[in-house]
N, C-alpha and C. Protein backbone atom coordinates (compact mmCIF):
# COMPACT_ATOMS: atom_id res chain seq x y z
N MET A 1 0.85 -1.20 0.00
CA MET A 1 0.00 0.00 0.00
C MET A 1 0.88 1.25 0.00
N VAL A 2 0.61 2.14 -0.91
CA VAL A 2 1.39 3.36 -1.02
C VAL A 2 0.69 4.47 -0.26
N THR A 3 1.41 5.07 0.67
CA THR A 3 0.83 6.17 1.43
C THR A 3 0.86 7.44 0.59
N SER A 4 0.20 8.48 1.08
CA SER A 4 0.12 9.73 0.33
C SER A 4 1.49 10.40 0.24
N ALA A 5 2.28 10.29 1.29
CA ALA A 5 3.61 10.90 1.26
C ALA A 5 4.49 10.21 0.22
N GLU A 6 4.44 8.89 0.19
CA GLU A 6 5.22 8.15 -0.81
C GLU A 6 4.73 8.48 -2.22
N TYR A 7 3.43 8.65 -2.38
CA TYR A 7 2.88 8.99 -3.68
C TYR A 7 3.40 10.35 -4.16
N VAL A 8 3.46 11.31 -3.23
CA VAL A 8 3.96 12.64 -3.58
C VAL A 8 5.43 12.56 -3.99
N VAL A 9 6.22 11.80 -3.25
CA VAL A 9 7.65 11.68 -3.57
C VAL A 9 7.84 10.99 -4.92
N ILE A 10 7.10 9.92 -5.14
CA ILE A 10 7.22 9.19 -6.41
C ILE A 10 6.78 10.08 -7.58
N SER A 11 5.71 10.83 -7.40
CA SER A 11 5.25 11.72 -8.47
C SER A 11 6.29 12.80 -8.76
N ALA A 12 6.89 13.34 -7.70
CA ALA A 12 7.90 14.38 -7.90
C ALA A 12 9.11 13.82 -8.65
N LEU A 13 9.52 12.61 -8.30
CA LEU A 13 10.65 11.99 -8.99
C LEU A 13 10.32 11.74 -10.46
N TRP A 14 9.10 11.29 -10.74
CA TRP A 14 8.70 11.04 -12.13
C TRP A 14 8.67 12.34 -12.92
N LEU A 15 8.15 13.40 -12.30
CA LEU A 15 8.11 14.68 -12.99
C LEU A 15 9.52 15.21 -13.26
N LEU A 16 10.40 15.06 -12.28
CA LEU A 16 11.78 15.50 -12.46
C LEU A 16 12.47 14.71 -13.57
N ALA A 17 12.25 13.39 -13.57
CA ALA A 17 12.87 12.55 -14.60
C ALA A 17 12.33 12.91 -15.99
N ALA A 18 11.03 13.13 -16.09
CA ALA A 18 10.44 13.50 -17.38
C ALA A 18 10.96 14.86 -17.84
N TYR A 19 11.08 15.81 -16.90
CA TYR A 19 11.59 17.14 -17.26
C TYR A 19 13.02 17.05 -17.77
N LYS A 20 13.87 16.29 -17.05
CA LYS A 20 15.26 16.16 -17.47
C LYS A 20 15.36 15.42 -18.81
N TYR A 21 14.47 14.45 -19.03
CA TYR A 21 14.49 13.69 -20.28
C TYR A 21 14.13 14.60 -21.46
N PHE A 22 13.04 15.36 -21.32
CA PHE A 22 12.63 16.22 -22.43
C PHE A 22 13.60 17.37 -22.62
N ALA A 23 14.15 17.89 -21.53
CA ALA A 23 15.14 18.95 -21.67
C ALA A 23 16.38 18.42 -22.38
N GLY A 24 16.76 17.20 -22.08
CA GLY A 24 17.90 16.59 -22.76
C GLY A 24 17.62 16.38 -24.24
N LEU A 25 16.39 15.99 -24.56
CA LEU A 25 16.03 15.81 -25.97
C LEU A 25 16.10 17.14 -26.70
N LEU A 26 15.56 18.20 -26.09
CA LEU A 26 15.61 19.50 -26.74
C LEU A 26 17.04 19.99 -26.88
N PHE A 27 17.87 19.74 -25.86
CA PHE A 27 19.26 20.17 -25.93
C PHE A 27 20.00 19.43 -27.04
N LEU A 28 19.77 18.11 -27.13
CA LEU A 28 20.45 17.34 -28.18
C LEU A 28 19.96 17.78 -29.56
N GLN A 29 18.67 18.05 -29.68
CA GLN A 29 18.15 18.47 -30.97
C GLN A 29 18.75 19.83 -31.36
N GLU A 30 18.88 20.72 -30.40
CA GLU A 30 19.45 22.03 -30.67
C GLU A 30 20.94 21.90 -30.98
N PHE A 31 21.61 20.96 -30.32
CA PHE A 31 23.05 20.83 -30.47
C PHE A 31 23.41 20.10 -31.77
N LEU A 32 22.65 19.06 -32.10
CA LEU A 32 22.99 18.25 -33.27
C LEU A 32 22.45 18.86 -34.56
N VAL A 33 21.35 19.58 -34.50
CA VAL A 33 20.75 20.17 -35.70
C VAL A 33 20.66 21.68 -35.48
N PRO A 34 21.77 22.38 -35.57
CA PRO A 34 21.72 23.83 -35.34
C PRO A 34 21.13 24.55 -36.55
N GLU A 35 20.29 25.53 -36.28
CA GLU A 35 19.77 26.33 -37.36
C GLU A 35 20.84 27.29 -37.86
N PRO A 36 20.87 27.54 -39.15
CA PRO A 36 21.87 28.48 -39.67
C PRO A 36 21.60 29.89 -39.16
N ARG A 37 22.45 30.39 -38.29
CA ARG A 37 22.25 31.71 -37.72
C ARG A 37 23.02 32.79 -38.49
N GLN A 38 24.03 32.38 -39.26
CA GLN A 38 24.71 33.33 -40.11
C GLN A 38 24.29 33.09 -41.55
N GLY A 39 24.46 34.11 -42.35
CA GLY A 39 24.12 33.93 -43.74
C GLY A 39 23.34 35.12 -44.27
N PRO A 40 23.20 35.20 -45.57
CA PRO A 40 22.46 36.33 -46.17
C PRO A 40 20.99 36.29 -45.78
N GLY A 41 20.50 37.40 -45.27
CA GLY A 41 19.10 37.49 -44.93
C GLY A 41 18.79 37.20 -43.48
N SER A 42 19.71 36.56 -42.76
CA SER A 42 19.39 36.18 -41.39
C SER A 42 19.37 37.39 -40.47
N LEU A 43 20.22 38.38 -40.76
CA LEU A 43 20.25 39.56 -39.90
C LEU A 43 19.14 40.53 -40.28
N THR A 44 18.78 40.59 -41.55
CA THR A 44 17.78 41.57 -41.96
C THR A 44 16.37 41.09 -41.68
N THR A 45 16.10 39.81 -41.94
CA THR A 45 14.74 39.32 -41.74
C THR A 45 14.52 38.86 -40.31
N GLY A 46 15.56 38.36 -39.66
CA GLY A 46 15.41 37.84 -38.32
C GLY A 46 14.92 36.41 -38.30
N HIS A 47 14.71 35.81 -39.47
CA HIS A 47 14.26 34.42 -39.53
C HIS A 47 15.38 33.59 -40.15
N ALA A 48 16.11 32.90 -39.30
CA ALA A 48 17.26 32.14 -39.81
C ALA A 48 16.82 30.94 -40.62
N HIS A 49 15.59 30.44 -40.37
CA HIS A 49 15.20 29.23 -41.08
C HIS A 49 14.76 29.53 -42.51
N LEU A 50 14.66 30.82 -42.86
CA LEU A 50 14.31 31.17 -44.24
C LEU A 50 15.53 31.21 -45.15
N VAL A 51 16.73 31.10 -44.55
CA VAL A 51 17.94 31.11 -45.35
C VAL A 51 18.03 29.81 -46.15
N PRO A 52 18.34 29.86 -47.43
CA PRO A 52 18.47 28.62 -48.20
C PRO A 52 19.55 27.72 -47.63
N GLN A 53 19.37 26.42 -47.83
CA GLN A 53 20.27 25.45 -47.22
C GLN A 53 21.68 25.52 -47.81
N ASP A 54 21.82 25.95 -49.07
CA ASP A 54 23.13 25.90 -49.71
C ASP A 54 24.02 27.08 -49.35
N THR A 55 23.52 27.99 -48.50
CA THR A 55 24.35 29.13 -48.14
C THR A 55 25.28 28.82 -46.97
N TRP A 56 25.03 27.69 -46.30
CA TRP A 56 25.89 27.33 -45.18
C TRP A 56 26.33 25.92 -45.34
């Protein structure tokens, strides 16, 4: 039987693990697939993803 205190602790650990997992996924995605931040048009338009792929 799981008491309410144990349930709170287990839920907190699950939330922390899920947060670290998704944060790690976002970090890896940002690190492995960087958007082209330099290039023609990136400074003027402010949208780096509009830069053609062959410029970088």
